[in-house]
N, C-alpha and C. Protein backbone atom coordinates (compact mmCIF):
# COMPACT_ATOMS: atom_id res chain seq x y z
N UNK A 1 0.81 -1.20 0.00
CA UNK A 1 -0.03 -0.01 0.01
C UNK A 1 0.88 1.25 0.00
N UNK A 2 1.94 1.27 0.81
CA UNK A 2 2.82 2.43 0.87
C UNK A 2 3.56 2.63 -0.45
N UNK A 3 3.91 1.54 -1.09
CA UNK A 3 4.58 1.64 -2.40
C UNK A 3 3.68 2.27 -3.44
N UNK A 4 2.43 1.92 -3.44
CA UNK A 4 1.46 2.54 -4.41
C UNK A 4 1.33 4.00 -4.14
N UNK A 5 1.25 4.37 -2.86
CA UNK A 5 1.12 5.78 -2.50
C UNK A 5 2.33 6.58 -2.89
N UNK A 6 3.54 5.98 -2.69
CA UNK A 6 4.79 6.64 -3.10
C UNK A 6 4.85 6.83 -4.60
N UNK A 7 4.48 5.83 -5.36
CA UNK A 7 4.45 5.94 -6.82
C UNK A 7 3.46 6.98 -7.28
N UNK A 8 2.35 7.05 -6.65
CA UNK A 8 1.34 8.08 -6.99
C UNK A 8 1.86 9.49 -6.74
N UNK A 9 2.52 9.67 -5.61
CA UNK A 9 3.13 10.99 -5.27
C UNK A 9 4.19 11.36 -6.30
N UNK A 10 5.04 10.40 -6.67
CA UNK A 10 6.08 10.66 -7.65
C UNK A 10 5.46 10.98 -8.99
N UNK A 11 4.44 10.27 -9.36
CA UNK A 11 3.76 10.57 -10.65
C UNK A 11 3.13 11.96 -10.67
N UNK A 12 2.49 12.34 -9.62
CA UNK A 12 1.92 13.72 -9.55
C UNK A 12 3.01 14.76 -9.58
N UNK A 13 4.09 14.51 -8.84
CA UNK A 13 5.21 15.44 -8.84
C UNK A 13 5.78 15.60 -10.25
N UNK A 14 5.94 14.51 -10.99
CA UNK A 14 6.48 14.54 -12.34
C UNK A 14 5.60 15.34 -13.26
N UNK A 15 4.28 15.04 -13.27
CA UNK A 15 3.38 15.68 -14.24
C UNK A 15 3.09 17.14 -13.91
N UNK A 16 3.14 17.55 -12.66
CA UNK A 16 2.80 18.92 -12.31
C UNK A 16 4.03 19.82 -12.11
N UNK A 17 5.22 19.27 -11.98
CA UNK A 17 6.38 20.11 -11.71
C UNK A 17 7.53 19.88 -12.73
N UNK A 18 7.94 18.66 -12.94
CA UNK A 18 9.09 18.40 -13.75
C UNK A 18 8.79 18.52 -15.25
N UNK A 19 7.70 17.92 -15.69
CA UNK A 19 7.38 17.93 -17.12
C UNK A 19 7.12 19.35 -17.65
N UNK A 20 6.34 20.20 -16.96
CA UNK A 20 6.15 21.57 -17.49
C UNK A 20 7.46 22.36 -17.55
N UNK A 21 8.32 22.16 -16.57
CA UNK A 21 9.62 22.85 -16.59
C UNK A 21 10.50 22.41 -17.76
N UNK A 22 10.48 21.12 -18.04
CA UNK A 22 11.21 20.62 -19.19
C UNK A 22 10.68 21.18 -20.51
N UNK A 23 9.35 21.28 -20.60
CA UNK A 23 8.71 21.82 -21.81
C UNK A 23 9.09 23.29 -21.96
N UNK A 24 9.10 24.02 -20.91
CA UNK A 24 9.47 25.47 -20.94
C UNK A 24 10.91 25.64 -21.37
N UNK A 25 11.82 24.82 -20.85
CA UNK A 25 13.20 24.90 -21.21
C UNK A 25 13.41 24.56 -22.68
N UNK A 26 12.67 23.61 -23.19
CA UNK A 26 12.76 23.22 -24.60
C UNK A 26 12.29 24.37 -25.49
N UNK A 27 11.19 25.04 -25.11
CA UNK A 27 10.70 26.19 -25.90
C UNK A 27 11.69 27.34 -25.87
N UNK A 28 12.30 27.60 -24.72
CA UNK A 28 13.29 28.67 -24.62
C UNK A 28 14.53 28.37 -25.48
N UNK A 29 14.96 27.13 -25.50
CA UNK A 29 16.09 26.74 -26.32
C UNK A 29 15.76 26.94 -27.81
N UNK A 30 14.58 26.56 -28.18
CA UNK A 30 14.10 26.71 -29.58
C UNK A 30 14.04 28.21 -29.95
N UNK A 31 13.56 29.05 -29.03
CA UNK A 31 13.50 30.50 -29.26
C UNK A 31 14.92 31.08 -29.47
N UNK A 32 15.86 30.69 -28.61
CA UNK A 32 17.22 31.23 -28.72
C UNK A 32 17.89 30.81 -30.04
N UNK A 33 17.57 29.59 -30.46
CA UNK A 33 18.15 29.11 -31.76
C UNK A 33 17.51 29.81 -32.95
N UNK A 34 16.32 30.30 -32.79
CA UNK A 34 15.63 30.94 -33.93
C UNK A 34 15.83 32.45 -34.01
N UNK A 35 16.64 32.99 -33.11
CA UNK A 35 16.89 34.44 -33.14
C UNK A 35 17.63 34.81 -34.44
N UNK A 36 17.26 35.99 -34.96
CA UNK A 36 17.89 36.49 -36.14
C UNK A 36 18.31 37.93 -35.92
N UNK A 37 19.17 38.45 -36.76
CA UNK A 37 19.59 39.87 -36.66
C UNK A 37 18.40 40.74 -36.85
N UNK A 38 18.24 41.74 -36.03
CA UNK A 38 17.11 42.69 -36.12
C UNK A 38 16.01 42.39 -35.11
N UNK A 39 16.03 41.22 -34.47
CA UNK A 39 15.02 40.87 -33.51
C UNK A 39 15.16 41.75 -32.27
N UNK A 40 14.08 42.09 -31.63
CA UNK A 40 14.14 42.84 -30.38
C UNK A 40 13.95 41.84 -29.25
N UNK A 41 14.84 41.86 -28.26
CA UNK A 41 14.84 40.91 -27.18
C UNK A 41 14.98 41.60 -25.86
N UNK A 42 14.71 40.83 -24.78
CA UNK A 42 14.88 41.25 -23.41
C UNK A 42 15.77 40.20 -22.74
N UNK A 43 16.81 40.63 -22.03
CA UNK A 43 17.70 39.72 -21.34
C UNK A 43 17.13 39.36 -19.96
N UNK A 44 17.77 38.43 -19.33
CA UNK A 44 17.36 37.99 -18.01
C UNK A 44 17.46 39.17 -17.02
N UNK A 45 18.45 40.05 -17.20
CA UNK A 45 18.62 41.21 -16.34
C UNK A 45 17.69 42.37 -16.65
N UNK A 46 16.85 42.23 -17.69
CA UNK A 46 15.86 43.24 -17.98
C UNK A 46 16.33 44.25 -19.03
N UNK A 47 17.43 43.99 -19.69
CA UNK A 47 17.96 44.91 -20.69
C UNK A 47 17.20 44.67 -22.02
N UNK A 48 16.68 45.74 -22.56
CA UNK A 48 15.98 45.66 -23.84
C UNK A 48 16.95 46.03 -24.94
N UNK A 49 16.97 45.29 -26.05
CA UNK A 49 17.87 45.63 -27.12
C UNK A 49 17.48 44.96 -28.41
N UNK A 50 18.23 45.36 -29.48
CA UNK A 50 18.00 44.84 -30.79
C UNK A 50 19.24 44.06 -31.21
N UNK A 51 19.08 42.87 -31.76
CA UNK A 51 20.22 42.02 -32.09
C UNK A 51 20.92 42.61 -33.31
N UNK A 52 22.25 42.87 -33.15
CA UNK A 52 23.08 43.39 -34.23
C UNK A 52 23.97 42.30 -34.84
N UNK A 53 24.54 41.46 -34.01
CA UNK A 53 25.46 40.41 -34.44
C UNK A 53 25.19 39.17 -33.60
N UNK A 54 25.49 37.99 -34.18
CA UNK A 54 25.36 36.76 -33.45
C UNK A 54 26.50 35.82 -33.79
N UNK A 55 26.96 35.09 -32.80
CA UNK A 55 27.85 33.96 -33.07
C UNK A 55 27.33 32.77 -32.31
N UNK A 56 28.11 31.72 -32.13
CA UNK A 56 27.62 30.51 -31.51
C UNK A 56 27.14 30.69 -30.07
N UNK A 57 27.84 31.52 -29.29
CA UNK A 57 27.55 31.62 -27.89
C UNK A 57 27.11 33.02 -27.42
N UNK A 58 27.35 34.03 -28.21
CA UNK A 58 27.04 35.39 -27.74
C UNK A 58 26.27 36.20 -28.79
N UNK A 59 25.69 37.30 -28.29
CA UNK A 59 24.88 38.20 -29.15
C UNK A 59 25.29 39.62 -28.84
N UNK A 60 25.42 40.45 -29.86
CA UNK A 60 25.70 41.86 -29.68
C UNK A 60 24.38 42.60 -29.78
N UNK A 61 24.01 43.31 -28.70
CA UNK A 61 22.73 44.02 -28.64
C UNK A 61 22.99 45.53 -28.76
N UNK A 62 22.10 46.19 -29.48
CA UNK A 62 22.09 47.63 -29.54
C UNK A 62 21.04 48.10 -28.55
N UNK A 63 21.46 48.92 -27.60
CA UNK A 63 20.54 49.39 -26.57
C UNK A 63 20.25 50.88 -26.85
N UNK A 64 19.77 51.59 -25.86
CA UNK A 64 19.42 53.00 -26.00
C UNK A 64 20.57 53.83 -26.56
N UNK A 65 20.29 54.64 -27.55
CA UNK A 65 21.34 55.45 -28.15
C UNK A 65 22.30 54.61 -28.98
N UNK A 66 23.56 54.86 -28.79
CA UNK A 66 24.54 54.07 -29.57
C UNK A 66 25.25 53.00 -28.69
N UNK A 67 24.65 52.67 -27.56
CA UNK A 67 25.24 51.71 -26.66
C UNK A 67 25.11 50.29 -27.23
N UNK A 68 26.21 49.56 -27.18
CA UNK A 68 26.22 48.17 -27.65
C UNK A 68 26.71 47.30 -26.51
N UNK A 69 26.04 46.18 -26.31
CA UNK A 69 26.37 45.24 -25.21
C UNK A 69 26.44 43.84 -25.80
N UNK A 70 27.52 43.12 -25.46
CA UNK A 70 27.61 41.70 -25.86
C UNK A 70 27.20 40.84 -24.68
N UNK A 71 26.22 39.98 -24.89
CA UNK A 71 25.68 39.09 -23.87
C UNK A 71 25.73 37.65 -24.37
N UNK A 72 25.69 36.71 -23.47
CA UNK A 72 25.60 35.32 -23.82
C UNK A 72 24.19 35.02 -24.34
N UNK A 73 24.11 34.08 -25.25
CA UNK A 73 22.78 33.69 -25.76
C UNK A 73 21.89 33.20 -24.62
N UNK A 74 22.50 32.53 -23.66
CA UNK A 74 21.68 32.03 -22.56
C UNK A 74 21.09 33.11 -21.69
N UNK A 75 21.54 34.37 -21.84
CA UNK A 75 21.01 35.48 -21.06
C UNK A 75 19.80 36.08 -21.67
N UNK A 76 19.44 35.65 -22.90
CA UNK A 76 18.25 36.23 -23.56
C UNK A 76 17.03 35.43 -23.07
N UNK A 77 16.06 36.16 -22.50
CA UNK A 77 14.90 35.43 -21.92
C UNK A 77 13.71 35.45 -22.86
N UNK A 78 13.39 36.58 -23.45
CA UNK A 78 12.20 36.64 -24.31
C UNK A 78 12.43 37.58 -25.47
N UNK A 79 11.54 37.44 -26.45
CA UNK A 79 11.50 38.37 -27.54
C UNK A 79 10.43 39.39 -27.27
N UNK A 80 10.43 40.46 -28.00
CA UNK A 80 9.43 41.49 -27.84
C UNK A 80 8.44 41.39 -29.00
N UNK A 81 7.15 41.27 -28.69
CA UNK A 81 6.16 41.27 -29.76
C UNK A 81 5.79 42.68 -30.10
N UNK A 82 4.95 42.87 -31.14
CA UNK A 82 4.59 44.19 -31.63
C UNK A 82 3.98 45.09 -30.55
N UNK A 83 3.16 44.51 -29.66
CA UNK A 83 2.52 45.29 -28.62
C UNK A 83 3.55 45.85 -27.62
N UNK A 84 4.49 45.02 -27.25
CA UNK A 84 5.54 45.48 -26.30
C UNK A 84 6.40 46.55 -26.96
N UNK A 85 6.71 46.40 -28.24
CA UNK A 85 7.53 47.38 -28.94
C UNK A 85 6.82 48.72 -29.01
N UNK A 86 5.50 48.71 -29.24
CA UNK A 86 4.72 49.94 -29.26
C UNK A 86 4.72 50.61 -27.93
N UNK A 87 4.63 49.84 -26.83
CA UNK A 87 4.61 50.42 -25.50
C UNK A 87 5.95 51.06 -25.15
N UNK A 88 7.07 50.47 -25.58
CA UNK A 88 8.36 51.06 -25.26
C UNK A 88 8.70 52.27 -26.10
N UNK A 89 8.04 52.41 -27.24
CA UNK A 89 8.26 53.57 -28.10
C UNK A 89 7.44 54.81 -27.70
N UNK A 90 6.56 54.66 -26.74
CA UNK A 90 5.71 55.78 -26.27
C UNK A 90 6.54 56.79 -25.51
């Protein structure tokens, strides 16, 4: 009886915590691989920028004014959609 309960708890833990996290990581990896020059992105630290150059592990971002920052690809968290771009241009 205890073995069945333990397996049930492990199953619930897997389906509600581990599996969604793995799916999210897979989508993030796919997003980072699909980045192209000219995309607007946000880093983990909250820096908004436009992709100027890319290599295997890093990205050169153009930020406010003529500021350029080189960050690791793994530091890019999300892209900016049209609605977010419109809000930042206000």
